[in-house]
């Protein structure tokens, strides 16, 4: 069935192949990211509480009335803004115990996992 679909619509096969190759490239980039350890001083701390939101609405689709439900969820985040000794400011995500243990002005060691091919900072995490 899928083979017949690809024969009838080669654009679908092309797009599916491109999507799978892109996904494989990104997974490889994240997997090969080398952790770099940095040291800096905490300049600000922010706590973002857990957030849930939902909503409903009514719309018309194809001449019929439809009820639409939407919801979103954001987990809580413990963020610290750290100024490195070379002047860059990085926002790090920290575990709760580290967040409450450290104060503004304290030193913080953090890890940046930067993509090997893309150079994207995939993970910035406070360590100690």
PDB file of N, CA and C in Angstrom:
ATOM      1  N   UNK A   1       0.821  -1.194   0.000  1.00  0.00           N
ATOM      2  CA  UNK A   1       0.000   0.000   0.000  1.00  0.00           C
ATOM      3  C   UNK A   1       0.867   1.261   0.000  1.00  0.00           C
ATOM      4  N   UNK A   2       1.849   1.310   0.882  1.00  0.00           N
ATOM      5  CA  UNK A   2       2.725   2.487   0.939  1.00  0.00           C
ATOM      6  C   UNK A   2       3.582   2.559  -0.319  1.00  0.00           C
ATOM      7  N   UNK A   3       4.032   1.404  -0.793  1.00  0.00           N
ATOM      8  CA  UNK A   3       4.845   1.372  -2.010  1.00  0.00           C
ATOM      9  C   UNK A   3       4.052   1.925  -3.191  1.00  0.00           C
ATOM     10  N   UNK A   4       2.762   1.568  -3.271  1.00  0.00           N
ATOM     11  CA  UNK A   4       1.915   2.087  -4.349  1.00  0.00           C
ATOM     12  C   UNK A   4       1.740   3.595  -4.236  1.00  0.00           C
ATOM     13  N   UNK A   5       1.619   4.085  -3.007  1.00  0.00           N
ATOM     14  CA  UNK A   5       1.483   5.525  -2.788  1.00  0.00           C
ATOM     15  C   UNK A   5       2.723   6.253  -3.280  1.00  0.00           C
ATOM     16  N   UNK A   6       3.912   5.694  -2.995  1.00  0.00           N
ATOM     17  CA  UNK A   6       5.148   6.326  -3.432  1.00  0.00           C
ATOM     18  C   UNK A   6       5.300   6.272  -4.947  1.00  0.00           C
ATOM     19  N   UNK A   7       4.780   5.227  -5.587  1.00  0.00           N
ATOM     20  CA  UNK A   7       4.839   5.143  -7.053  1.00  0.00           C
ATOM     21  C   UNK A   7       3.924   6.167  -7.696  1.00  0.00           C
ATOM     22  N   UNK A   8       2.745   6.362  -7.091  1.00  0.00           N
ATOM     23  CA  UNK A   8       1.785   7.306  -7.653  1.00  0.00           C
ATOM     24  C   UNK A   8       2.190   8.753  -7.396  1.00  0.00           C
ATOM     25  N   UNK A   9       2.746   9.005  -6.219  1.00  0.00           N
ATOM     26  CA  UNK A   9       3.143  10.366  -5.851  1.00  0.00           C
ATOM     27  C   UNK A   9       4.611  10.395  -5.465  1.00  0.00           C
ATOM     28  N   UNK A  10       5.506  10.555  -6.405  1.00  0.00           N
ATOM     29  CA  UNK A  10       6.935  10.568  -6.062  1.00  0.00           C
ATOM     30  C   UNK A  10       7.318  11.741  -5.165  1.00  0.00           C
ATOM     31  N   UNK A  11       6.484  12.806  -5.167  1.00  0.00           N
ATOM     32  CA  UNK A  11       6.776  13.948  -4.293  1.00  0.00           C
ATOM     33  C   UNK A  11       6.700  13.533  -2.828  1.00  0.00           C
ATOM     34  N   UNK A  12       5.750  12.655  -2.499  1.00  0.00           N
ATOM     35  CA  UNK A  12       5.599  12.179  -1.126  1.00  0.00           C
ATOM     36  C   UNK A  12       6.834  11.382  -0.720  1.00  0.00           C
ATOM     37  N   UNK A  13       7.313  10.530  -1.604  1.00  0.00           N
ATOM     38  CA  UNK A  13       8.511   9.740  -1.311  1.00  0.00           C
ATOM     39  C   UNK A  13       9.719  10.652  -1.113  1.00  0.00           C
ATOM     40  N   UNK A  14       9.850  11.642  -1.940  1.00  0.00           N
ATOM     41  CA  UNK A  14      10.959  12.590  -1.865  1.00  0.00           C
ATOM     42  C   UNK A  14      10.901  13.356  -0.561  1.00  0.00           C
ATOM     43  N   UNK A  15       9.723  13.842  -0.213  1.00  0.00           N
ATOM     44  CA  UNK A  15       9.565  14.602   1.028  1.00  0.00           C
ATOM     45  C   UNK A  15       9.802  13.727   2.251  1.00  0.00           C
ATOM     46  N   UNK A  16       9.309  12.494   2.230  1.00  0.00           N
ATOM     47  CA  UNK A  16       9.514  11.575   3.348  1.00  0.00           C
ATOM     48  C   UNK A  16      10.996  11.266   3.519  1.00  0.00           C
ATOM     49  N   UNK A  17      11.698  11.022   2.438  1.00  0.00           N
ATOM     50  CA  UNK A  17      13.134  10.758   2.495  1.00  0.00           C
ATOM     51  C   UNK A  17      13.891  11.959   3.037  1.00  0.00           C
ATOM     52  N   UNK A  18      13.548  13.137   2.575  1.00  0.00           N
ATOM     53  CA  UNK A  18      14.197  14.356   3.052  1.00  0.00           C
ATOM     54  C   UNK A  18      13.953  14.569   4.543  1.00  0.00           C
ATOM     55  N   UNK A  19      12.727  14.331   4.980  1.00  0.00           N
ATOM     56  CA  UNK A  19      12.390  14.471   6.393  1.00  0.00           C
ATOM     57  C   UNK A  19      13.165  13.482   7.252  1.00  0.00           C
ATOM     58  N   UNK A  20      13.258  12.230   6.814  1.00  0.00           N
ATOM     59  CA  UNK A  20      13.997  11.218   7.578  1.00  0.00           C
ATOM     60  C   UNK A  20      15.495  11.521   7.633  1.00  0.00           C
ATOM     61  N   UNK A  21      16.066  11.995   6.528  1.00  0.00           N
ATOM     62  CA  UNK A  21      17.481  12.360   6.529  1.00  0.00           C
ATOM     63  C   UNK A  21      17.755  13.552   7.443  1.00  0.00           C
ATOM     64  N   UNK A  22      16.851  14.535   7.439  1.00  0.00           N
ATOM     65  CA  UNK A  22      17.007  15.694   8.322  1.00  0.00           C
ATOM     66  C   UNK A  22      16.923  15.275   9.778  1.00  0.00           C
ATOM     67  N   UNK A  23      15.965  14.422  10.095  1.00  0.00           N
ATOM     68  CA  UNK A  23      15.814  13.932  11.460  1.00  0.00           C
ATOM     69  C   UNK A  23      17.046  13.139  11.894  1.00  0.00           C
ATOM     70  N   UNK A  24      17.577  12.290  11.023  1.00  0.00           N
ATOM     71  CA  UNK A  24      18.784  11.519  11.335  1.00  0.00           C
ATOM     72  C   UNK A  24      19.975  12.443  11.554  1.00  0.00           C
ATOM     73  N   UNK A  25      20.096  13.498  10.751  1.00  0.00           N
ATOM     74  CA  UNK A  25      21.186  14.463  10.905  1.00  0.00           C
ATOM     75  C   UNK A  25      21.114  15.166  12.257  1.00  0.00           C
ATOM     76  N   UNK A  26      19.906  15.601  12.648  1.00  0.00           N
ATOM     77  CA  UNK A  26      19.759  16.296  13.934  1.00  0.00           C
ATOM     78  C   UNK A  26      20.036  15.371  15.113  1.00  0.00           C
ATOM     79  N   UNK A  27      19.571  14.137  15.035  1.00  0.00           N
ATOM     80  CA  UNK A  27      19.843  13.175  16.108  1.00  0.00           C
ATOM     81  C   UNK A  27      21.339  12.907  16.213  1.00  0.00           C
ATOM     82  N   UNK A  28      22.005  12.764  15.088  1.00  0.00           N
ATOM     83  CA  UNK A  28      23.454  12.562  15.085  1.00  0.00           C
ATOM     84  C   UNK A  28      24.182  13.777  15.649  1.00  0.00           C
ATOM     85  N   UNK A  29      23.722  14.967  15.302  1.00  0.00           N
ATOM     86  CA  UNK A  29      24.344  16.196  15.806  1.00  0.00           C
ATOM     87  C   UNK A  29      24.214  16.283  17.322  1.00  0.00           C
ATOM     88  N   UNK A  30      23.051  15.940  17.862  1.00  0.00           N
ATOM     89  CA  UNK A  30      22.851  15.980  19.309  1.00  0.00           C
ATOM     90  C   UNK A  30      23.680  14.887  19.991  1.00  0.00           C
ATOM     91  N   UNK A  31      23.708  13.691  19.404  1.00  0.00           N
ATOM     92  CA  UNK A  31      24.434  12.574  20.006  1.00  0.00           C
ATOM     93  C   UNK A  31      25.938  12.822  20.035  1.00  0.00           C
ATOM     94  N   UNK A  32      26.463  13.536  19.047  1.00  0.00           N
ATOM     95  CA  UNK A  32      27.901  13.781  18.980  1.00  0.00           C
ATOM     96  C   UNK A  32      28.313  15.096  19.632  1.00  0.00           C
ATOM     97  N   UNK A  33      27.372  15.779  20.278  1.00  0.00           N
ATOM     98  CA  UNK A  33      27.690  17.040  20.941  1.00  0.00           C
ATOM     99  C   UNK A  33      28.651  16.788  22.102  1.00  0.00           C
ATOM    100  N   UNK A  34      29.741  17.505  22.104  1.00  0.00           N
ATOM    101  CA  UNK A  34      30.763  17.345  23.136  1.00  0.00           C
ATOM    102  C   UNK A  34      30.482  18.342  24.263  1.00  0.00           C
ATOM    103  N   UNK A  35      30.438  17.878  25.524  1.00  0.00           N
ATOM    104  CA  UNK A  35      30.188  18.806  26.619  1.00  0.00           C
ATOM    105  C   UNK A  35      31.407  19.705  26.883  1.00  0.00           C
ATOM    106  N   UNK A  36      31.160  20.997  27.016  1.00  0.00           N
ATOM    107  CA  UNK A  36      32.208  21.961  27.352  1.00  0.00           C
ATOM    108  C   UNK A  36      31.892  22.526  28.729  1.00  0.00           C
ATOM    109  N   UNK A  37      32.836  22.432  29.650  1.00  0.00           N
ATOM    110  CA  UNK A  37      32.634  22.947  31.007  1.00  0.00           C
ATOM    111  C   UNK A  37      33.059  24.409  31.073  1.00  0.00           C
ATOM    112  N   UNK A  38      32.224  25.236  31.693  1.00  0.00           N
ATOM    113  CA  UNK A  38      32.495  26.661  31.840  1.00  0.00           C
ATOM    114  C   UNK A  38      32.290  27.065  33.293  1.00  0.00           C
ATOM    115  N   UNK A  39      32.881  28.190  33.651  1.00  0.00           N
ATOM    116  CA  UNK A  39      32.741  28.731  34.996  1.00  0.00           C
ATOM    117  C   UNK A  39      32.351  30.196  34.881  1.00  0.00           C
ATOM    118  N   UNK A  40      31.438  30.635  35.734  1.00  0.00           N
ATOM    119  CA  UNK A  40      31.006  32.024  35.694  1.00  0.00           C
ATOM    120  C   UNK A  40      30.383  32.431  37.011  1.00  0.00           C
ATOM    121  N   UNK A  41      29.845  33.642  37.033  1.00  0.00           N
ATOM    122  CA  UNK A  41      29.221  34.201  38.228  1.00  0.00           C
ATOM    123  C   UNK A  41      27.737  34.400  37.963  1.00  0.00           C
ATOM    124  N   UNK A  42      26.906  34.005  38.916  1.00  0.00           N
ATOM    125  CA  UNK A  42      25.460  34.136  38.776  1.00  0.00           C
ATOM    126  C   UNK A  42      25.083  35.613  38.850  1.00  0.00           C
ATOM    127  N   UNK A  43      24.382  36.114  37.830  1.00  0.00           N
ATOM    128  CA  UNK A  43      23.957  37.516  37.824  1.00  0.00           C
ATOM    129  C   UNK A  43      22.459  37.659  38.044  1.00  0.00           C
ATOM    130  N   UNK A  44      21.692  36.579  37.844  1.00  0.00           N
ATOM    131  CA  UNK A  44      20.246  36.640  38.066  1.00  0.00           C
ATOM    132  C   UNK A  44      19.704  35.224  38.187  1.00  0.00           C
ATOM    133  N   UNK A  45      18.593  35.088  38.917  1.00  0.00           N
ATOM    134  CA  UNK A  45      17.913  33.806  39.067  1.00  0.00           C
ATOM    135  C   UNK A  45      16.438  34.011  38.758  1.00  0.00           C
ATOM    136  N   UNK A  46      15.842  33.056  38.048  1.00  0.00           N
ATOM    137  CA  UNK A  46      14.415  33.137  37.745  1.00  0.00           C
ATOM    138  C   UNK A  46      13.786  31.771  37.935  1.00  0.00           C
ATOM    139  N   UNK A  47      12.617  31.784  38.559  1.00  0.00           N
ATOM    140  CA  UNK A  47      11.838  30.558  38.719  1.00  0.00           C
ATOM    141  C   UNK A  47      10.589  30.696  37.869  1.00  0.00           C
ATOM    142  N   UNK A  48      10.356  29.730  36.995  1.00  0.00           N
ATOM    143  CA  UNK A  48       9.138  29.716  36.184  1.00  0.00           C
ATOM    144  C   UNK A  48       8.275  28.569  36.682  1.00  0.00           C
ATOM    145  N   UNK A  49       7.124  28.869  37.289  1.00  0.00           N
ATOM    146  CA  UNK A  49       6.276  27.790  37.806  1.00  0.00           C
ATOM    147  C   UNK A  49       5.651  26.971  36.686  1.00  0.00           C
ATOM    148  N   UNK A  50       5.198  25.795  37.073  1.00  0.00           N
ATOM    149  CA  UNK A  50       4.497  24.933  36.137  1.00  0.00           C
ATOM    150  C   UNK A  50       3.229  25.636  35.669  1.00  0.00           C
ATOM    151  N   UNK A  51       2.898  25.460  34.387  1.00  0.00           N
ATOM    152  CA  UNK A  51       1.752  26.185  33.849  1.00  0.00           C
ATOM    153  C   UNK A  51       0.900  25.281  32.976  1.00  0.00           C
ATOM    154  N   UNK A  52      -0.379  25.316  33.226  1.00  0.00           N
ATOM    155  CA  UNK A  52      -1.348  24.592  32.405  1.00  0.00           C
ATOM    156  C   UNK A  52      -2.329  25.618  31.855  1.00  0.00           C
ATOM    157  N   UNK A  53      -2.673  25.489  30.618  1.00  0.00           N
ATOM    158  CA  UNK A  53      -3.718  26.348  30.065  1.00  0.00           C
ATOM    159  C   UNK A  53      -4.523  25.534  29.063  1.00  0.00           C
ATOM    160  N   UNK A  54      -5.794  25.830  29.017  1.00  0.00           N
ATOM    161  CA  UNK A  54      -6.654  25.142  28.063  1.00  0.00           C
ATOM    162  C   UNK A  54      -7.745  26.099  27.611  1.00  0.00           C
ATOM    163  N   UNK A  55      -8.305  25.787  26.499  1.00  0.00           N
ATOM    164  CA  UNK A  55      -9.359  26.649  25.968  1.00  0.00           C
ATOM    165  C   UNK A  55     -10.249  25.877  25.014  1.00  0.00           C
ATOM    166  N   UNK A  56     -11.424  26.413  24.801  1.00  0.00           N
ATOM    167  CA  UNK A  56     -12.364  25.813  23.851  1.00  0.00           C
ATOM    168  C   UNK A  56     -12.870  26.902  22.922  1.00  0.00           C
ATOM    169  N   UNK A  57     -13.313  26.475  21.800  1.00  0.00           N
ATOM    170  CA  UNK A  57     -13.866  27.419  20.835  1.00  0.00           C
ATOM    171  C   UNK A  57     -14.790  26.700  19.888  1.00  0.00           C
ATOM    172  N   UNK A  58     -15.537  27.455  19.147  1.00  0.00           N
ATOM    173  CA  UNK A  58     -16.464  26.900  18.168  1.00  0.00           C
ATOM    174  C   UNK A  58     -16.068  27.426  16.798  1.00  0.00           C
ATOM    175  N   UNK A  59     -16.042  26.526  15.832  1.00  0.00           N
ATOM    176  CA  UNK A  59     -15.689  26.921  14.479  1.00  0.00           C
ATOM    177  C   UNK A  59     -16.549  26.201  13.471  1.00  0.00           C
ATOM    178  N   UNK A  60     -16.480  26.649  12.249  1.00  0.00           N
ATOM    179  CA  UNK A  60     -17.243  26.024  11.177  1.00  0.00           C
ATOM    180  C   UNK A  60     -16.240  25.452  10.187  1.00  0.00           C
ATOM    181  N   UNK A  61     -16.374  24.148   9.930  1.00  0.00           N
ATOM    182  CA  UNK A  61     -15.479  23.473   8.990  1.00  0.00           C
ATOM    183  C   UNK A  61     -16.324  22.634   8.046  1.00  0.00           C
ATOM    184  N   UNK A  62     -16.217  22.897   6.778  1.00  0.00           N
ATOM    185  CA  UNK A  62     -16.965  22.122   5.791  1.00  0.00           C
ATOM    186  C   UNK A  62     -18.467  22.255   5.941  1.00  0.00           C
ATOM    187  N   UNK A  63     -18.929  23.402   6.406  1.00  0.00           N
ATOM    188  CA  UNK A  63     -20.352  23.630   6.568  1.00  0.00           C
ATOM    189  C   UNK A  63     -20.924  23.074   7.858  1.00  0.00           C
ATOM    190  N   UNK A  64     -20.072  22.453   8.692  1.00  0.00           N
ATOM    191  CA  UNK A  64     -20.534  21.897   9.955  1.00  0.00           C
ATOM    192  C   UNK A  64     -19.905  22.649  11.110  1.00  0.00           C
ATOM    193  N   UNK A  65     -20.640  22.733  12.199  1.00  0.00           N
ATOM    194  CA  UNK A  65     -20.127  23.380  13.401  1.00  0.00           C
ATOM    195  C   UNK A  65     -19.260  22.381  14.163  1.00  0.00           C
ATOM    196  N   UNK A  66     -18.106  22.835  14.633  1.00  0.00           N
ATOM    197  CA  UNK A  66     -17.193  21.969  15.365  1.00  0.00           C
ATOM    198  C   UNK A  66     -16.738  22.667  16.637  1.00  0.00           C
ATOM    199  N   UNK A  67     -16.574  21.888  17.700  1.00  0.00           N
ATOM    200  CA  UNK A  67     -16.025  22.402  18.949  1.00  0.00           C
ATOM    201  C   UNK A  67     -14.545  22.047  18.973  1.00  0.00           C
ATOM    202  N   UNK A  68     -13.705  23.033  19.256  1.00  0.00           N
ATOM    203  CA  UNK A  68     -12.265  22.851  19.246  1.00  0.00           C
ATOM    204  C   UNK A  68     -11.743  22.977  20.675  1.00  0.00           C
ATOM    205  N   UNK A  69     -10.957  21.996  21.103  1.00  0.00           N
ATOM    206  CA  UNK A  69     -10.317  22.026  22.416  1.00  0.00           C
ATOM    207  C   UNK A  69      -8.817  22.179  22.214  1.00  0.00           C
ATOM    208  N   UNK A  70      -8.191  22.997  23.036  1.00  0.00           N
ATOM    209  CA  UNK A  70      -6.730  23.112  22.984  1.00  0.00           C
ATOM    210  C   UNK A  70      -6.205  23.208  24.406  1.00  0.00           C
ATOM    211  N   UNK A  71      -5.004  22.667  24.593  1.00  0.00           N
ATOM    212  CA  UNK A  71      -4.378  22.754  25.912  1.00  0.00           C
ATOM    213  C   UNK A  71      -2.866  22.774  25.738  1.00  0.00           C
ATOM    214  N   UNK A  72      -2.202  23.355  26.712  1.00  0.00           N
ATOM    215  CA  UNK A  72      -0.740  23.386  26.696  1.00  0.00           C
ATOM    216  C   UNK A  72      -0.227  23.206  28.118  1.00  0.00           C
ATOM    217  N   UNK A  73       0.996  22.717  28.206  1.00  0.00           N
ATOM    218  CA  UNK A  73       1.612  22.456  29.500  1.00  0.00           C
ATOM    219  C   UNK A  73       3.078  22.856  29.434  1.00  0.00           C
ATOM    220  N   UNK A  74       3.542  23.572  30.444  1.00  0.00           N
ATOM    221  CA  UNK A  74       4.958  23.908  30.577  1.00  0.00           C
ATOM    222  C   UNK A  74       5.402  23.452  31.952  1.00  0.00           C
ATOM    223  N   UNK A  75       6.479  22.667  32.002  1.00  0.00           N
ATOM    224  CA  UNK A  75       7.025  22.223  33.285  1.00  0.00           C
ATOM    225  C   UNK A  75       7.718  23.378  33.986  1.00  0.00           C
ATOM    226  N   UNK A  76       7.872  23.250  35.301  1.00  0.00           N
ATOM    227  CA  UNK A  76       8.563  24.311  36.023  1.00  0.00           C
ATOM    228  C   UNK A  76      10.026  24.348  35.616  1.00  0.00           C
ATOM    229  N   UNK A  77      10.639  25.514  35.695  1.00  0.00           N
ATOM    230  CA  UNK A  77      12.030  25.687  35.293  1.00  0.00           C
ATOM    231  C   UNK A  77      12.756  26.528  36.330  1.00  0.00           C
ATOM    232  N   UNK A  78      13.963  26.106  36.662  1.00  0.00           N
ATOM    233  CA  UNK A  78      14.838  26.838  37.570  1.00  0.00           C
ATOM    234  C   UNK A  78      15.990  27.367  36.731  1.00  0.00           C
ATOM    235  N   UNK A  79      15.968  28.669  36.450  1.00  0.00           N
ATOM    236  CA  UNK A  79      16.932  29.282  35.534  1.00  0.00           C
ATOM    237  C   UNK A  79      17.897  30.183  36.271  1.00  0.00           C
ATOM    238  N   UNK A  80      19.161  30.129  35.865  1.00  0.00           N
ATOM    239  CA  UNK A  80      20.176  31.050  36.375  1.00  0.00           C
ATOM    240  C   UNK A  80      20.887  31.681  35.190  1.00  0.00           C
ATOM    241  N   UNK A  81      21.035  32.993  35.247  1.00  0.00           N
ATOM    242  CA  UNK A  81      21.805  33.706  34.244  1.00  0.00           C
ATOM    243  C   UNK A  81      23.230  33.837  34.784  1.00  0.00           C
ATOM    244  N   UNK A  82      24.177  33.333  34.014  1.00  0.00           N
ATOM    245  CA  UNK A  82      25.566  33.261  34.455  1.00  0.00           C
ATOM    246  C   UNK A  82      26.431  34.058  33.494  1.00  0.00           C
ATOM    247  N   UNK A  83      27.246  34.952  34.065  1.00  0.00           N
ATOM    248  CA  UNK A  83      28.197  35.719  33.244  1.00  0.00           C
ATOM    249  C   UNK A  83      29.545  35.015  33.328  1.00  0.00           C
ATOM    250  N   UNK A  84      30.016  34.564  32.162  1.00  0.00           N
ATOM    251  CA  UNK A  84      31.298  33.865  32.125  1.00  0.00           C
ATOM    252  C   UNK A  84      32.430  34.879  32.263  1.00  0.00           C
ATOM    253  N   UNK A  85      33.626  34.358  32.480  1.00  0.00           N
ATOM    254  CA  UNK A  85      34.766  35.256  32.687  1.00  0.00           C
ATOM    255  C   UNK A  85      35.230  35.928  31.400  1.00  0.00           C
ATOM    256  N   UNK A  86      34.729  35.463  30.244  1.00  0.00           N
ATOM    257  CA  UNK A  86      35.037  36.158  28.994  1.00  0.00           C
ATOM    258  C   UNK A  86      33.931  37.126  28.586  1.00  0.00           C
ATOM    259  N   UNK A  87      32.930  37.338  29.478  1.00  0.00           N
ATOM    260  CA  UNK A  87      31.919  38.369  29.268  1.00  0.00           C
ATOM    261  C   UNK A  87      30.594  37.918  28.700  1.00  0.00           C
ATOM    262  N   UNK A  88      30.452  36.676  28.292  1.00  0.00           N
ATOM    263  CA  UNK A  88      29.184  36.188  27.752  1.00  0.00           C
ATOM    264  C   UNK A  88      28.211  35.858  28.882  1.00  0.00           C
ATOM    265  N   UNK A  89      26.926  36.088  28.637  1.00  0.00           N
ATOM    266  CA  UNK A  89      25.896  35.723  29.603  1.00  0.00           C
ATOM    267  C   UNK A  89      25.122  34.541  29.040  1.00  0.00           C
ATOM    268  N   UNK A  90      25.066  33.453  29.805  1.00  0.00           N
ATOM    269  CA  UNK A  90      24.357  32.239  29.408  1.00  0.00           C
ATOM    270  C   UNK A  90      23.218  31.982  30.385  1.00  0.00           C
ATOM    271  N   UNK A  91      22.104  31.508  29.888  1.00  0.00           N
ATOM    272  CA  UNK A  91      20.993  31.094  30.745  1.00  0.00           C
ATOM    273  C   UNK A  91      21.073  29.593  30.913  1.00  0.00           C
ATOM    274  N   UNK A  92      21.200  29.133  32.161  1.00  0.00           N
ATOM    275  CA  UNK A  92      21.330  27.712  32.434  1.00  0.00           C
ATOM    276  C   UNK A  92      20.091  27.191  33.137  1.00  0.00           C
ATOM    277  N   UNK A  93      19.752  25.967  32.834  1.00  0.00           N
ATOM    278  CA  UNK A  93      18.672  25.272  33.514  1.00  0.00           C
ATOM    279  C   UNK A  93      19.319  24.454  34.626  1.00  0.00           C
ATOM    280  N   UNK A  94      18.809  24.564  35.853  1.00  0.00           N
ATOM    281  CA  UNK A  94      19.436  23.915  36.994  1.00  0.00           C
ATOM    282  C   UNK A  94      18.447  23.025  37.736  1.00  0.00           C
ATOM    283  N   UNK A  95      18.950  22.026  38.441  1.00  0.00           N
ATOM    284  CA  UNK A  95      18.069  21.264  39.322  1.00  0.00           C
ATOM    285  C   UNK A  95      17.637  22.140  40.504  1.00  0.00           C
ATOM    286  N   UNK A  96      16.486  21.855  41.119  1.00  0.00           N
ATOM    287  CA  UNK A  96      15.969  22.700  42.205  1.00  0.00           C
ATOM    288  C   UNK A  96      16.922  22.860  43.382  1.00  0.00           C
ATOM    289  N   UNK A  97      17.610  21.792  43.781  1.00  0.00           N
ATOM    290  CA  UNK A  97      18.508  21.906  44.939  1.00  0.00           C
ATOM    291  C   UNK A  97      19.663  22.859  44.674  1.00  0.00           C
ATOM    292  N   UNK A  98      20.207  22.852  43.457  1.00  0.00           N
ATOM    293  CA  UNK A  98      21.280  23.781  43.110  1.00  0.00           C
ATOM    294  C   UNK A  98      20.753  25.217  43.045  1.00  0.00           C
ATOM    295  N   UNK A  99      19.545  25.380  42.517  1.00  0.00           N
ATOM    296  CA  UNK A  99      18.928  26.706  42.413  1.00  0.00           C
ATOM    297  C   UNK A  99      18.786  27.348  43.792  1.00  0.00           C
ATOM    298  N   UNK A 100      18.321  26.593  44.784  1.00  0.00           N
ATOM    299  CA  UNK A 100      18.116  27.145  46.134  1.00  0.00           C
ATOM    300  C   UNK A 100      19.416  27.245  46.925  1.00  0.00           C
ATOM    301  N   UNK A 101      20.419  26.479  46.556  1.00  0.00           N
ATOM    302  CA  UNK A 101      21.702  26.502  47.251  1.00  0.00           C
ATOM    303  C   UNK A 101      22.529  27.730  46.866  1.00  0.00           C
ATOM    304  N   UNK A 102      22.468  28.143  45.617  1.00  0.00           N
ATOM    305  CA  UNK A 102      23.299  29.241  45.113  1.00  0.00           C
ATOM    306  C   UNK A 102      22.589  30.582  45.228  1.00  0.00           C
ATOM    307  N   UNK A 103      23.364  31.629  45.428  1.00  0.00           N
ATOM    308  CA  UNK A 103      22.867  33.004  45.502  1.00  0.00           C
ATOM    309  C   UNK A 103      23.481  33.821  44.367  1.00  0.00           C
ATOM    310  N   UNK A 104      22.888  34.981  44.105  1.00  0.00           N
ATOM    311  CA  UNK A 104      23.438  35.883  43.090  1.00  0.00           C
ATOM    312  C   UNK A 104      24.832  36.313  43.546  1.00  0.00           C
ATOM    313  N   UNK A 105      25.800  36.237  42.639  1.00  0.00           N
ATOM    314  CA  UNK A 105      27.189  36.563  42.941  1.00  0.00           C
ATOM    315  C   UNK A 105      28.048  35.337  43.206  1.00  0.00           C
ATOM    316  N   UNK A 106      27.440  34.176  43.438  1.00  0.00           N
ATOM    317  CA  UNK A 106      28.196  32.943  43.658  1.00  0.00           C
ATOM    318  C   UNK A 106      28.742  32.420  42.331  1.00  0.00           C
ATOM    319  N   UNK A 107      29.869  31.697  42.383  1.00  0.00           N
ATOM    320  CA  UNK A 107      30.364  31.055  41.154  1.00  0.00           C
ATOM    321  C   UNK A 107      29.512  29.842  40.816  1.00  0.00           C
ATOM    322  N   UNK A 108      29.417  29.534  39.525  1.00  0.00           N
ATOM    323  CA  UNK A 108      28.651  28.374  39.073  1.00  0.00           C
ATOM    324  C   UNK A 108      29.388  27.707  37.925  1.00  0.00           C
ATOM    325  N   UNK A 109      29.535  26.408  38.035  1.00  0.00           N
ATOM    326  CA  UNK A 109      30.087  25.632  36.936  1.00  0.00           C
ATOM    327  C   UNK A 109      28.911  25.086  36.128  1.00  0.00           C
ATOM    328  N   UNK A 110      28.977  25.221  34.812  1.00  0.00           N
ATOM    329  CA  UNK A 110      27.902  24.735  33.966  1.00  0.00           C
ATOM    330  C   UNK A 110      28.474  24.092  32.709  1.00  0.00           C
ATOM    331  N   UNK A 111      27.637  23.293  32.064  1.00  0.00           N
ATOM    332  CA  UNK A 111      28.048  22.540  30.881  1.00  0.00           C
ATOM    333  C   UNK A 111      27.202  22.983  29.695  1.00  0.00           C
ATOM    334  N   UNK A 112      27.874  23.202  28.569  1.00  0.00           N
ATOM    335  CA  UNK A 112      27.189  23.498  27.311  1.00  0.00           C
ATOM    336  C   UNK A 112      27.484  22.348  26.356  1.00  0.00           C
ATOM    337  N   UNK A 113      26.416  21.734  25.831  1.00  0.00           N
ATOM    338  CA  UNK A 113      26.574  20.693  24.806  1.00  0.00           C
ATOM    339  C   UNK A 113      26.222  21.328  23.467  1.00  0.00           C
ATOM    340  N   UNK A 114      27.262  21.593  22.681  1.00  0.00           N
ATOM    341  CA  UNK A 114      27.094  22.283  21.406  1.00  0.00           C
ATOM    342  C   UNK A 114      27.171  21.265  20.274  1.00  0.00           C
ATOM    343  N   UNK A 115      26.255  21.397  19.318  1.00  0.00           N
ATOM    344  CA  UNK A 115      26.210  20.473  18.187  1.00  0.00           C
ATOM    345  C   UNK A 115      27.506  20.463  17.406  1.00  0.00           C
ATOM    346  N   UNK A 116      27.931  19.265  17.026  1.00  0.00           N
ATOM    347  CA  UNK A 116      29.198  19.120  16.321  1.00  0.00           C
ATOM    348  C   UNK A 116      29.144  19.706  14.916  1.00  0.00           C
ATOM    349  N   UNK A 117      28.009  19.557  14.231  1.00  0.00           N
ATOM    350  CA  UNK A 117      27.893  20.025  12.853  1.00  0.00           C
ATOM    351  C   UNK A 117      27.185  21.373  12.741  1.00  0.00           C
ATOM    352  N   UNK A 118      26.154  21.581  13.574  1.00  0.00           N
ATOM    353  CA  UNK A 118      25.355  22.795  13.463  1.00  0.00           C
ATOM    354  C   UNK A 118      25.865  23.930  14.334  1.00  0.00           C
ATOM    355  N   UNK A 119      26.570  23.608  15.424  1.00  0.00           N
ATOM    356  CA  UNK A 119      27.033  24.647  16.346  1.00  0.00           C
ATOM    357  C   UNK A 119      25.948  25.155  17.274  1.00  0.00           C
ATOM    358  N   UNK A 120      24.783  24.516  17.277  1.00  0.00           N
ATOM    359  CA  UNK A 120      23.653  24.918  18.121  1.00  0.00           C
ATOM    360  C   UNK A 120      23.916  24.467  19.555  1.00  0.00           C
ATOM    361  N   UNK A 121      23.626  25.331  20.530  1.00  0.00           N
ATOM    362  CA  UNK A 121      23.714  24.950  21.940  1.00  0.00           C
ATOM    363  C   UNK A 121      22.480  24.129  22.287  1.00  0.00           C
ATOM    364  N   UNK A 122      22.601  22.813  22.257  1.00  0.00           N
ATOM    365  CA  UNK A 122      21.458  21.949  22.512  1.00  0.00           C
ATOM    366  C   UNK A 122      21.098  21.920  23.987  1.00  0.00           C
ATOM    367  N   UNK A 123      22.098  21.863  24.864  1.00  0.00           N
ATOM    368  CA  UNK A 123      21.842  21.772  26.299  1.00  0.00           C
ATOM    369  C   UNK A 123      22.769  22.719  27.033  1.00  0.00           C
ATOM    370  N   UNK A 124      22.231  23.546  27.926  1.00  0.00           N
ATOM    371  CA  UNK A 124      23.026  24.375  28.822  1.00  0.00           C
ATOM    372  C   UNK A 124      22.524  24.047  30.221  1.00  0.00           C
ATOM    373  N   UNK A 125      23.359  23.395  31.013  1.00  0.00           N
ATOM    374  CA  UNK A 125      22.917  22.855  32.298  1.00  0.00           C
ATOM    375  C   UNK A 125      23.894  23.216  33.395  1.00  0.00           C
ATOM    376  N   UNK A 126      23.365  23.739  34.515  1.00  0.00           N
ATOM    377  CA  UNK A 126      24.184  24.039  35.695  1.00  0.00           C
ATOM    378  C   UNK A 126      24.622  22.757  36.377  1.00  0.00           C
ATOM    379  N   UNK A 127      25.888  22.701  36.818  1.00  0.00           N
ATOM    380  CA  UNK A 127      26.421  21.492  37.429  1.00  0.00           C
ATOM    381  C   UNK A 127      26.622  21.666  38.921  1.00  0.00           C
ATOM    382  N   UNK A 128      27.412  22.660  39.308  1.00  0.00           N
ATOM    383  CA  UNK A 128      27.656  22.907  40.739  1.00  0.00           C
ATOM    384  C   UNK A 128      28.191  24.295  40.968  1.00  0.00           C
TER     385      UNK A 128
END
